[in-house]
C-alpha atoms as a PDB file:
ATOM      1  CA  MET A   1      34.634  22.198  33.472  1.00  0.00           C
ATOM      2  CA  ALA A   2      35.296  19.990  30.519  1.00  0.00           C
ATOM      3  CA  LYS A   3      33.463  17.235  32.119  1.00  0.00           C
ATOM      4  CA  ASN A   4      30.628  19.193  33.681  1.00  0.00           C
ATOM      5  CA  GLY A   5      30.327  20.097  29.286  1.00  0.00           C
ATOM      6  CA  SER A   6      30.418  16.819  27.737  1.00  0.00           C
ATOM      7  CA  LYS A   7      27.564  16.058  30.828  1.00  0.00           C
ATOM      8  CA  THR A   8      25.443  19.330  29.487  1.00  0.00           C
ATOM      9  CA  SER A   9      25.845  18.343  26.028  1.00  0.00           C
ATOM     10  CA  HIS A  10      25.104  14.683  26.983  1.00  0.00           C
ATOM     11  CA  ILE A  11      21.911  15.498  28.088  1.00  0.00           C
ATOM     12  CA  ASN A  12      21.052  18.515  25.513  1.00  0.00           C
ATOM     13  CA  ASP A  13      21.376  15.194  23.271  1.00  0.00           C
ATOM     14  CA  GLN A  14      18.864  12.824  25.351  1.00  0.00           C
ATOM     15  CA  LYS A  15      16.361  15.465  25.609  1.00  0.00           C
ATOM     16  CA  VAL A  16      16.176  16.366  21.529  1.00  0.00           C
ATOM     17  CA  LEU A  17      16.458  12.393  21.008  1.00  0.00           C
ATOM     18  CA  ALA A  18      13.557  12.842  23.471  1.00  0.00           C
ATOM     19  CA  ALA A  19      11.338  15.576  21.633  1.00  0.00           C
ATOM     20  CA  GLN A  20      11.786  13.622  17.874  1.00  0.00           C
ATOM     21  CA  LEU A  21      10.649  10.616  19.131  1.00  0.00           C
ATOM     22  CA  PHE A  22       7.327  12.385  20.367  1.00  0.00           C
ATOM     23  CA  ILE A  23       6.808  14.393  17.569  1.00  0.00           C
ATOM     24  CA  GLN A  24       6.708  11.235  14.936  1.00  0.00           C
ATOM     25  CA  ASN A  25       4.399   9.457  17.707  1.00  0.00           C
ATOM     26  CA  ASN A  26       2.019  12.413  18.342  1.00  0.00           C
ATOM     27  CA  LEU A  27       2.311  14.167  14.356  1.00  0.00           C
ATOM     28  CA  ASP A  28      -1.816  13.857  14.966  1.00  0.00           C
ATOM     29  CA  GLY A  29      -1.453  16.150  18.236  1.00  0.00           C
ATOM     30  CA  ASP A  30      -0.420  19.589  20.022  1.00  0.00           C
ATOM     31  CA  LEU A  31       2.817  19.618  18.862  1.00  0.00           C
ATOM     32  CA  LEU A  32       3.395  23.499  19.619  1.00  0.00           C
ATOM     33  CA  LEU A  33       6.433  24.416  21.171  1.00  0.00           C
ATOM     34  CA  LYS A  34       5.318  24.412  24.824  1.00  0.00           C
ATOM     35  CA  SER A  35       4.223  21.533  24.715  1.00  0.00           C
ATOM     36  CA  VAL A  36       6.838  19.482  23.165  1.00  0.00           C
ATOM     37  CA  ALA A  37       9.352  20.947  25.864  1.00  0.00           C
ATOM     38  CA  ARG A  38       6.249  20.007  28.799  1.00  0.00           C
ATOM     39  CA  ALA A  39       6.263  16.485  27.850  1.00  0.00           C
ATOM     40  CA  VAL A  40      10.415  15.792  27.210  1.00  0.00           C
ATOM     41  CA  GLY A  41      10.881  18.184  30.714  1.00  0.00           C
ATOM     42  CA  VAL A  42      13.000  21.021  29.298  1.00  0.00           C
ATOM     43  CA  SER A  43      11.723  24.931  29.136  1.00  0.00           C
ATOM     44  CA  PRO A  44      10.439  26.042  25.638  1.00  0.00           C
ATOM     45  CA  ALA A  45      13.383  28.494  25.052  1.00  0.00           C
ATOM     46  CA  HIS A  46      16.018  25.396  26.022  1.00  0.00           C
ATOM     47  CA  LEU A  47      14.683  22.840  23.523  1.00  0.00           C
ATOM     48  CA  HIS A  48      14.716  25.466  20.537  1.00  0.00           C
ATOM     49  CA  ARG A  49      17.964  26.534  21.628  1.00  0.00           C
ATOM     50  CA  VAL A  50      19.264  22.869  21.495  1.00  0.00           C
ATOM     51  CA  PHE A  51      16.901  21.550  19.013  1.00  0.00           C
ATOM     52  CA  LYS A  52      17.919  24.144  16.376  1.00  0.00           C
ATOM     53  CA  SER A  53      21.173  23.689  17.223  1.00  0.00           C
ATOM     54  CA  ARG A  54      21.359  20.181  16.318  1.00  0.00           C
ATOM     55  CA  VAL A  55      18.668  18.922  13.801  1.00  0.00           C
ATOM     56  CA  GLY A  56      18.842  22.501  11.754  1.00  0.00           C
ATOM     57  CA  GLU A  57      15.385  23.357  11.933  1.00  0.00           C
ATOM     58  CA  THR A  58      12.867  24.866  14.581  1.00  0.00           C
ATOM     59  CA  ILE A  59      10.924  22.395  16.269  1.00  0.00           C
ATOM     60  CA  LYS A  60       7.564  24.009  14.143  1.00  0.00           C
ATOM     61  CA  LYS A  61       9.122  23.238  11.249  1.00  0.00           C
ATOM     62  CA  TYR A  62      10.545  20.246  11.942  1.00  0.00           C
ATOM     63  CA  CYS A  63       6.621  19.211  12.882  1.00  0.00           C
ATOM     64  CA  ASP A  64       5.810  20.737   8.890  1.00  0.00           C
ATOM     65  CA  ARG A  65       7.911  19.190   7.492  1.00  0.00           C
ATOM     66  CA  LEU A  66       7.419  15.261   8.572  1.00  0.00           C
ATOM     67  CA  ARG A  67       3.598  16.172   8.701  1.00  0.00           C
ATOM     68  CA  VAL A  68       3.401  16.783   4.916  1.00  0.00           C
ATOM     69  CA  GLU A  69       6.273  14.833   3.674  1.00  0.00           C
ATOM     70  CA  LYS A  70       4.574  11.267   5.800  1.00  0.00           C
ATOM     71  CA  SER A  71       0.954  12.883   4.423  1.00  0.00           C
ATOM     72  CA  LEU A  72       1.920  11.554   1.046  1.00  0.00           C
ATOM     73  CA  TYR A  73       2.230   7.952   1.756  1.00  0.00           C
ATOM     74  CA  ASP A  74      -1.202   8.242   2.531  1.00  0.00           C
ATOM     75  CA  ILE A  75      -2.179  10.389  -0.516  1.00  0.00           C
ATOM     76  CA  ARG A  76      -0.306   7.758  -2.657  1.00  0.00           C
ATOM     77  CA  LEU A  77      -1.241   4.203  -0.344  1.00  0.00           C
ATOM     78  CA  THR A  78      -4.365   5.230   1.234  1.00  0.00           C
ATOM     79  CA  GLU A  79      -7.934   5.829  -0.211  1.00  0.00           C
ATOM     80  CA  LEU A  80      -8.718   8.667   2.286  1.00  0.00           C
ATOM     81  CA  ASN A  81      -9.632  12.344   1.053  1.00  0.00           C
ATOM     82  CA  LEU A  82      -8.056  16.023   1.778  1.00  0.00           C
ATOM     83  CA  LEU A  83      -9.983  16.195   4.976  1.00  0.00           C
ATOM     84  CA  GLN A  84      -9.490  13.039   7.038  1.00  0.00           C
ATOM     85  CA  ILE A  85      -5.256  13.136   5.681  1.00  0.00           C
ATOM     86  CA  SER A  86      -5.533  16.647   7.057  1.00  0.00           C
ATOM     87  CA  LEU A  87      -6.923  15.748  10.339  1.00  0.00           C
ATOM     88  CA  ARG A  88      -4.780  12.871  10.616  1.00  0.00           C
ATOM     89  CA  TYR A  89      -1.920  14.660  10.679  1.00  0.00           C
ATOM     90  CA  GLY A  90      -2.546  17.556  12.908  1.00  0.00           C
ATOM     91  CA  PHE A  91      -3.590  20.250  10.709  1.00  0.00           C
ATOM     92  CA  ARG A  92      -7.047  22.218  11.611  1.00  0.00           C
ATOM     93  CA  ASN A  93      -8.470  21.651   7.766  1.00  0.00           C
ATOM     94  CA  PRO A  94      -7.621  21.171   4.400  1.00  0.00           C
ATOM     95  CA  GLU A  95      -6.936  24.176   3.732  1.00  0.00           C
ATOM     96  CA  THR A  96      -4.680  25.117   5.425  1.00  0.00           C
ATOM     97  CA  TYR A  97      -2.526  21.346   5.309  1.00  0.00           C
ATOM     98  CA  THR A  98      -2.503  22.868   1.522  1.00  0.00           C
ATOM     99  CA  ARG A  99      -1.015  25.551   2.400  1.00  0.00           C
ATOM    100  CA  VAL A 100       1.504  24.137   4.191  1.00  0.00           C
ATOM    101  CA  PHE A 101       2.248  21.079   1.457  1.00  0.00           C
ATOM    102  CA  LYS A 102       2.753  23.614  -1.567  1.00  0.00           C
ATOM    103  CA  ARG A 103       5.482  25.271   0.649  1.00  0.00           C
ATOM    104  CA  TYR A 104       7.191  21.797   0.713  1.00  0.00           C
ATOM    105  CA  PHE A 105       6.044  20.524  -2.470  1.00  0.00           C
ATOM    106  CA  GLY A 106       5.861  23.279  -4.650  1.00  0.00           C
ATOM    107  CA  ARG A 107       1.705  21.526  -6.158  1.00  0.00           C
ATOM    108  CA  PRO A 108      -1.051  20.830  -3.657  1.00  0.00           C
ATOM    109  CA  PRO A 109      -1.969  17.458  -2.665  1.00  0.00           C
ATOM    110  CA  SER A 110      -5.047  18.087  -5.189  1.00  0.00           C
ATOM    111  CA  HIS A 111      -2.108  17.056  -7.872  1.00  0.00           C
ATOM    112  CA  PHE A 112      -0.798  13.724  -6.164  1.00  0.00           C
ATOM    113  CA  LEU A 113      -4.362  12.239  -5.171  1.00  0.00           C
ATOM    114  CA  ASN A 114      -5.480  12.715  -8.713  1.00  0.00           C
ATOM    115  CA  ASP A 115      -1.959  10.147  -9.948  1.00  0.00           C
ATOM    116  CA  ARG A 116      -2.093   7.810  -6.938  1.00  0.00           C
ATOM    117  CA  SER A 117       0.653   4.786  -7.097  1.00  0.00           C
ATOM    118  CA  ILE A 118       2.498   2.932  -5.527  1.00  0.00           C
ATOM    119  CA  ALA A 119       5.530   4.721  -3.685  1.00  0.00           C
ATOM    120  CA  PRO A 120       8.261   2.634  -2.697  1.00  0.00           C
ATOM    121  CA  ALA A 121       8.293   4.744   0.606  1.00  0.00           C
ATOM    122  CA  ASN A 122      10.992   4.059   3.294  1.00  0.00           C
ATOM    123  CA  GLN A 123      13.616   2.947   1.008  1.00  0.00           C
ATOM    124  CA  GLY A 124      16.624   2.339   3.358  1.00  0.00           C
ATOM    125  CA  ILE A 125      19.986   1.825   1.999  1.00  0.00           C
ATOM    126  CA  GLN A 126      20.487   1.662  -1.779  1.00  0.00           C
ATOM    127  CA  ARG A 127      20.922  -2.391  -2.529  1.00  0.00           C
ATOM    128  CA  SER A 128      19.691  -4.966  -4.046  1.00  0.00           C
ATOM    129  CA  ILE A 129      17.962  -8.803  -3.897  1.00  0.00           C
ATOM    130  CA  ARG A 130      17.894 -12.102  -5.074  1.00  0.00           C
ATOM    131  CA  LEU A 131      13.807 -13.024  -4.180  1.00  0.00           C
ATOM    132  CA  GLY A 132      13.060 -15.939  -2.775  1.00  0.00           C
ATOM    133  CA  ALA A 133      10.527 -18.387  -2.742  1.00  0.00           C
ATOM    134  CA  VAL A 134       8.558 -18.194   0.021  1.00  0.00           C
ATOM    135  CA  SER A 135       5.163 -18.972  -0.424  1.00  0.00           C
ATOM    136  CA  GLY A 136       2.298 -16.483   0.744  1.00  0.00           C
ATOM    137  CA  SER A 137      -1.845 -17.217   0.347  1.00  0.00           C
ATOM    138  CA  GLY A 138      -4.258 -14.291  -1.752  1.00  0.00           C
ATOM    139  CA  LEU A 139      -1.447 -12.602  -2.907  1.00  0.00           C
ATOM    140  CA  ARG A 140       0.351 -11.473  -6.092  1.00  0.00           C
ATOM    141  CA  ASN A 141       2.924 -13.349  -7.696  1.00  0.00           C
ATOM    142  CA  SER A 142       3.803 -14.795  -3.608  1.00  0.00           C
ATOM    143  CA  LYS A 143       5.322 -17.970  -5.244  1.00  0.00           C
ATOM    144  CA  GLU A 144       7.668 -16.264  -6.776  1.00  0.00           C
ATOM    145  CA  THR A 145       8.534 -12.695  -5.039  1.00  0.00           C
ATOM    146  CA  GLY A 146       8.824 -14.805  -1.872  1.00  0.00           C
ATOM    147  CA  PHE A 147       6.064 -11.675  -0.346  1.00  0.00           C
ATOM    148  CA  THR A 148       3.941 -13.068   2.743  1.00  0.00           C
ATOM    149  CA  VAL A 149       2.415 -11.895   5.728  1.00  0.00           C
ATOM    150  CA  THR A 150       3.642 -12.307   9.887  1.00  0.00           C
ATOM    151  CA  ARG A 151       2.271 -11.422  12.315  1.00  0.00           C
ATOM    152  CA  LEU A 152       4.432  -9.817  14.868  1.00  0.00           C
ATOM    153  CA  GLN A 153       4.641  -9.223  18.723  1.00  0.00           C
ATOM    154  CA  GLU A 154       5.279  -5.571  19.684  1.00  0.00           C
ATOM    155  CA  LEU A 155       9.260  -5.070  19.443  1.00  0.00           C
ATOM    156  CA  ARG A 156      11.349  -3.013  22.584  1.00  0.00           C
ATOM    157  CA  VAL A 157      14.953  -1.963  20.893  1.00  0.00           C
ATOM    158  CA  ALA A 158      17.560   0.690  21.842  1.00  0.00           C
ATOM    159  CA  PHE A 159      18.532   2.635  18.477  1.00  0.00           C
ATOM    160  CA  ILE A 160      20.855   5.692  17.339  1.00  0.00           C
ATOM    161  CA  ARG A 161      19.762   7.279  14.319  1.00  0.00           C
ATOM    162  CA  HIS A 162      21.715   8.684  11.908  1.00  0.00           C
ATOM    163  CA  THR A 163      20.371  12.095  10.167  1.00  0.00           C
ATOM    164  CA  GLY A 164      21.646  11.985   6.773  1.00  0.00           C
ATOM    165  CA  PRO A 165      21.940  10.253   3.065  1.00  0.00           C
ATOM    166  CA  TYR A 166      21.354   6.270   3.932  1.00  0.00           C
ATOM    167  CA  GLU A 167      24.437   5.759   1.609  1.00  0.00           C
ATOM    168  CA  GLU A 168      26.214   6.893   4.477  1.00  0.00           C
ATOM    169  CA  VAL A 169      24.528   4.705   7.493  1.00  0.00           C
ATOM    170  CA  PRO A 170      27.873   2.275   8.386  1.00  0.00           C
ATOM    171  CA  ILE A 171      28.614  -1.428   7.356  1.00  0.00           C
ATOM    172  CA  PHE A 172      28.496  -3.666  10.311  1.00  0.00           C
ATOM    173  CA  ARG A 173      31.820  -4.817   9.595  1.00  0.00           C
ATOM    174  CA  GLU A 174      33.009  -0.651   9.143  1.00  0.00           C
ATOM    175  CA  PRO A 175      36.318  -0.111  10.818  1.00  0.00           C
ATOM    176  CA  GLY A 176      35.734   2.517  14.268  1.00  0.00           C
ATOM    177  CA  GLU A 177      32.694   3.339  16.804  1.00  0.00           C
ATOM    178  CA  THR A 178      30.338   2.665  14.105  1.00  0.00           C
ATOM    179  CA  LEU A 179      26.674   2.978  16.042  1.00  0.00           C
ATOM    180  CA  TRP A 180      26.421  -0.493  15.397  1.00  0.00           C
ATOM    181  CA  LYS A 181      29.396  -0.809  17.911  1.00  0.00           C
ATOM    182  CA  LYS A 182      27.942   2.182  20.021  1.00  0.00           C
ATOM    183  CA  LEU A 183      24.400  -0.098  20.854  1.00  0.00           C
ATOM    184  CA  GLU A 184      26.165  -3.665  20.986  1.00  0.00           C
ATOM    185  CA  ASN A 185      28.406  -1.851  24.266  1.00  0.00           C
ATOM    186  CA  PHE A 186      26.240  -0.413  25.373  1.00  0.00           C
ATOM    187  CA  ALA A 187      23.443  -3.576  25.601  1.00  0.00           C
ATOM    188  CA  THR A 188      26.277  -5.364  26.898  1.00  0.00           C
ATOM    189  CA  THR A 189      27.675  -3.773  29.590  1.00  0.00           C
ATOM    190  CA  VAL A 190      24.405  -1.097  30.600  1.00  0.00           C
ATOM    191  CA  LEU A 191      21.686  -3.548  29.968  1.00  0.00           C
ATOM    192  CA  GLY A 192      23.113  -6.744  30.719  1.00  0.00           C
ATOM    193  CA  GLU A 193      21.922  -8.519  27.170  1.00  0.00           C
ATOM    194  CA  SER A 194      24.255 -11.291  25.908  1.00  0.00           C
ATOM    195  CA  LYS A 195      25.004 -12.015  22.444  1.00  0.00           C
ATOM    196  CA  PRO A 196      23.623 -12.849  19.707  1.00  0.00           C
ATOM    197  CA  PHE A 197      22.137  -9.571  19.363  1.00  0.00           C
ATOM    198  CA  PHE A 198      19.065  -8.644  16.627  1.00  0.00           C
ATOM    199  CA  TYR A 199      19.824  -5.962  14.482  1.00  0.00           C
ATOM    200  CA  ILE A 200      17.289  -4.063  12.707  1.00  0.00           C
ATOM    201  CA  GLY A 201      17.184  -0.797  10.954  1.00  0.00           C
ATOM    202  CA  ILE A 202      14.395   1.439  10.480  1.00  0.00           C
ATOM    203  CA  PRO A 203      14.376   3.746   8.267  1.00  0.00           C
ATOM    204  CA  HIS A 204      12.156   6.347   8.106  1.00  0.00           C
ATOM    205  CA  ASP A 205      11.887   8.627   5.041  1.00  0.00           C
ATOM    206  CA  SER A 206      11.900   8.117   1.318  1.00  0.00           C
ATOM    207  CA  PRO A 207      14.715   9.729  -0.465  1.00  0.00           C
ATOM    208  CA  ASP A 208      11.988  10.677  -2.764  1.00  0.00           C
ATOM    209  CA  THR A 209      10.355  13.158  -0.874  1.00  0.00           C
ATOM    210  CA  THR A 210      12.565  14.072   2.228  1.00  0.00           C
ATOM    211  CA  VAL A 211      16.528  15.419   0.832  1.00  0.00           C
ATOM    212  CA  PRO A 212      18.867  13.949   1.406  1.00  0.00           C
ATOM    213  CA  ASP A 213      20.201  15.838   4.753  1.00  0.00           C
ATOM    214  CA  LYS A 214      17.203  15.390   6.253  1.00  0.00           C
ATOM    215  CA  LEU A 215      16.849  10.824   6.158  1.00  0.00           C
ATOM    216  CA  ARG A 216      15.957   9.356   9.123  1.00  0.00           C
ATOM    217  CA  PHE A 217      17.744   5.996  10.142  1.00  0.00           C
ATOM    218  CA  ASP A 218      17.549   4.253  13.818  1.00  0.00           C
ATOM    219  CA  GLY A 219      20.085   1.810  13.853  1.00  0.00           C
ATOM    220  CA  CYS A 220      18.024  -0.521  16.646  1.00  0.00           C
ATOM    221  CA  ILE A 221      19.352  -3.371  18.661  1.00  0.00           C
ATOM    222  CA  LEU A 222      15.922  -5.624  20.060  1.00  0.00           C
ATOM    223  CA  VAL A 223      16.331  -5.114  23.940  1.00  0.00           C
ATOM    224  CA  ARG A 224      13.814  -7.774  26.643  1.00  0.00           C
ATOM    225  CA  GLU A 225      13.034  -4.145  29.023  1.00  0.00           C
ATOM    226  CA  PRO A 226      12.436  -1.056  29.049  1.00  0.00           C
ATOM    227  CA  PHE A 227      15.287   1.609  29.402  1.00  0.00           C
ATOM    228  CA  GLN A 228      16.141   4.969  30.108  1.00  0.00           C
ATOM    229  CA  PRO A 229      17.175   6.710  27.501  1.00  0.00           C
ATOM    230  CA  GLN A 230      21.537   7.938  27.785  1.00  0.00           C
ATOM    231  CA  GLY A 231      23.038  10.174  25.315  1.00  0.00           C
ATOM    232  CA  GLU A 232      22.488   9.675  22.142  1.00  0.00           C
ATOM    233  CA  ILE A 233      21.047   5.959  22.638  1.00  0.00           C
ATOM    234  CA  GLY A 234      17.448   5.931  22.910  1.00  0.00           C
ATOM    235  CA  PHE A 235      14.949   3.605  24.060  1.00  0.00           C
ATOM    236  CA  GLN A 236      11.267   2.529  21.241  1.00  0.00           C
ATOM    237  CA  LEU A 237       8.446   0.296  20.625  1.00  0.00           C
ATOM    238  CA  ILE A 238       8.088  -1.091  17.048  1.00  0.00           C
ATOM    239  CA  ARG A 239       4.105  -1.815  16.779  1.00  0.00           C
ATOM    240  CA  GLY A 240       3.158  -5.728  16.678  1.00  0.00           C
ATOM    241  CA  GLY A 241       0.805  -6.790  14.327  1.00  0.00           C
ATOM    242  CA  PHE A 242       0.907  -7.688  10.218  1.00  0.00           C
ATOM    243  CA  TYR A 243       3.360  -7.010   8.722  1.00  0.00           C
ATOM    244  CA  GLY A 244       4.362  -8.137   5.112  1.00  0.00           C
ATOM    245  CA  VAL A 245       7.533  -9.613   4.689  1.00  0.00           C
ATOM    246  CA  MET A 246      10.323 -10.353   1.787  1.00  0.00           C
ATOM    247  CA  THR A 247      14.102 -11.396   2.140  1.00  0.00           C
ATOM    248  CA  HIS A 248      16.700  -9.766   0.450  1.00  0.00           C
ATOM    249  CA  ALA A 249      19.961 -12.030  -0.396  1.00  0.00           C
ATOM    250  CA  GLY A 250      22.909 -10.378  -1.847  1.00  0.00           C
ATOM    251  CA  PRO A 251      24.853  -7.194  -2.062  1.00  0.00           C
ATOM    252  CA  TYR A 252      23.960  -4.146   0.385  1.00  0.00           C
ATOM    253  CA  ALA A 253      24.754  -1.939  -2.745  1.00  0.00           C
ATOM    254  CA  THR A 254      21.082  -2.494  -4.266  1.00  0.00           C
ATOM    255  CA  LEU A 255      18.133  -2.654  -2.269  1.00  0.00           C
ATOM    256  CA  ALA A 256      15.872  -0.366  -3.738  1.00  0.00           C
ATOM    257  CA  GLU A 257      13.979  -2.854  -6.254  1.00  0.00           C
ATOM    258  CA  THR A 258      13.450  -4.772  -2.924  1.00  0.00           C
ATOM    259  CA  TYR A 259      11.103  -2.520  -1.827  1.00  0.00           C
ATOM    260  CA  VAL A 260       9.473  -1.972  -5.344  1.00  0.00           C
ATOM    261  CA  ALA A 261       8.714  -5.544  -5.139  1.00  0.00           C
ATOM    262  CA  LEU A 262       7.703  -5.243  -1.261  1.00  0.00           C
ATOM    263  CA  PHE A 263       5.177  -2.483  -1.699  1.00  0.00           C
ATOM    264  CA  THR A 264       3.586  -3.734  -4.931  1.00  0.00           C
ATOM    265  CA  ASN A 265       2.640  -6.846  -3.151  1.00  0.00           C
ATOM    266  CA  ALA A 266       1.100  -5.424  -0.326  1.00  0.00           C
ATOM    267  CA  THR A 267      -0.634  -2.889  -2.487  1.00  0.00           C
ATOM    268  CA  GLY A 268      -2.027  -6.406  -4.224  1.00  0.00           C
ATOM    269  CA  LEU A 269      -3.051  -7.896  -0.616  1.00  0.00           C
ATOM    270  CA  ARG A 270      -6.739  -9.458  -0.415  1.00  0.00           C
ATOM    271  CA  GLY A 271      -8.646  -7.818   3.101  1.00  0.00           C
ATOM    272  CA  PHE A 272      -5.294  -5.544   4.137  1.00  0.00           C
ATOM    273  CA  SER A 273      -3.352  -2.064   3.558  1.00  0.00           C
ATOM    274  CA  ILE A 274       0.004  -0.159   3.688  1.00  0.00           C
ATOM    275  CA  ASP A 275       0.320   1.299   7.192  1.00  0.00           C
ATOM    276  CA  PRO A 276       1.763   4.642   6.728  1.00  0.00           C
ATOM    277  CA  ALA A 277       1.412   5.498   9.834  1.00  0.00           C
ATOM    278  CA  ALA A 278       4.406   3.020  10.363  1.00  0.00           C
ATOM    279  CA  PRO A 279       7.633   3.133   9.390  1.00  0.00           C
ATOM    280  CA  VAL A 280       8.949  -0.312   7.698  1.00  0.00           C
ATOM    281  CA  PHE A 281      11.918  -2.038   9.258  1.00  0.00           C
ATOM    282  CA  GLU A 282      14.916  -4.053   8.166  1.00  0.00           C
ATOM    283  CA  LEU A 283      15.807  -7.016  10.096  1.00  0.00           C
ATOM    284  CA  MET A 284      19.640  -7.932   9.833  1.00  0.00           C
ATOM    285  CA  ILE A 285      20.299 -11.613   9.403  1.00  0.00           C
ATOM    286  CA  ASP A 286      23.575 -11.391   8.507  1.00  0.00           C
ATOM    287  CA  ILE A 287      25.578  -9.031   9.505  1.00  0.00           C
ATOM    288  CA  SER A 288      28.968 -10.379   7.872  1.00  0.00           C
ATOM    289  CA  ALA A 289      28.865  -7.853   4.967  1.00  0.00           C
ATOM    290  CA  ALA A 290      32.522  -5.383   5.058  1.00  0.00           C
ATOM    291  CA  SER A 291      31.218  -3.489   2.128  1.00  0.00           C
ATOM    292  CA  ILE A 292      28.124  -2.691   1.099  1.00  0.00           C
ATOM    293  CA  ASP A 293      29.140  -4.798  -2.696  1.00  0.00           C
ATOM    294  CA  ASP A 294      29.344  -8.103  -0.162  1.00  0.00           C
ATOM    295  CA  HIS A 295      26.303 -10.684   0.561  1.00  0.00           C
ATOM    296  CA  THR A 296      24.183 -10.778   2.744  1.00  0.00           C
ATOM    297  CA  TRP A 297      20.268 -11.396   4.371  1.00  0.00           C
ATOM    298  CA  THR A 298      18.271  -9.175   5.271  1.00  0.00           C
ATOM    299  CA  GLU A 299      14.427  -9.646   5.791  1.00  0.00           C
ATOM    300  CA  LEU A 300      12.299  -6.416   4.905  1.00  0.00           C
ATOM    301  CA  TYR A 301       8.953  -5.801   6.949  1.00  0.00           C
ATOM    302  CA  VAL A 302       6.320  -3.439   5.716  1.00  0.00           C
ATOM    303  CA  PRO A 303       3.538  -2.567   7.978  1.00  0.00           C
ATOM    304  CA  LEU A 304      -0.467  -3.634   7.210  1.00  0.00           C
ATOM    305  CA  THR A 305      -3.342  -3.058   8.574  1.00  0.00           C
ATOM    306  CA  LYS A 306      -7.030  -4.283   7.918  1.00  0.00           C
ATOM    307  CA  LYS A 307      -8.679  -2.645   5.122  1.00  0.00           C
ATOM    308  CA  GLY A 308     -11.211  -0.163   6.481  1.00  0.00           C
ATOM    309  CA  GLU A 309      -8.942   0.482   9.607  1.00  0.00           C
ATOM    310  CA  ILE A 310      -7.637   3.467   8.765  1.00  0.00           C
ATOM    311  CA  GLU A 311      -8.379   6.348   9.646  1.00  0.00           C
END
């Protein structure tokens, strides 16, 4: 009996994670409960029950929150108007968008439109940086900041989602069965992958706009081929294309300054804009750290798009 219960819980975890991925990839589309349930292959009633139980929000509230939180990136980082932004996130008109936005932020989006400024969105775990020395072209203070631009192919990753304060994401060498150890074991025993692994972190939300217990962080391992998700371990793609890159060399404890520098340089880049529809990610080069005070080396990537391509 306990075995059946464990199997059911495993399947429910898988369906909830599939629903979350479907939602985050379709914020401009039809995200009614019945549509999300159809996409993940369960009944609306069942999805409503297990999603609310595991995530703490209904599908509708979860979708509304993600839409307005992501839209704030567009307000701060693009030149789109309210009509364009509202349509981009699945709202029928600016009035509906404004009403939902004000419910979450206490002020209408027009208030933030009048104060467009750099937002260190998706800051990730609070860490620090000693800036590198990689140069770029057409960049602001490129030699001093180590900011450069690269083009990546699409990346396939296995991941486990951590929901909660970023500072609670486990460090690699922490004792116990952390999400990183689970991913290593899965990649080795199930997927047949072998070391050395490439470790990636995707901090989806900004602590400036999302309450700590709702922050989403995906701990990932790069894999060669797609696979069927199993329980809490899912599969997703990191979009290919242009990225602004900076290197963090220092302790984990204070990475926020690095993200400020990364976004500052990206917004000053000729011919490119930050793509707010895609998340930043962190490529962990040195995983020897046992605490947030240990020195480490991480590359930070912010997605870019050529100017005029954001619609």
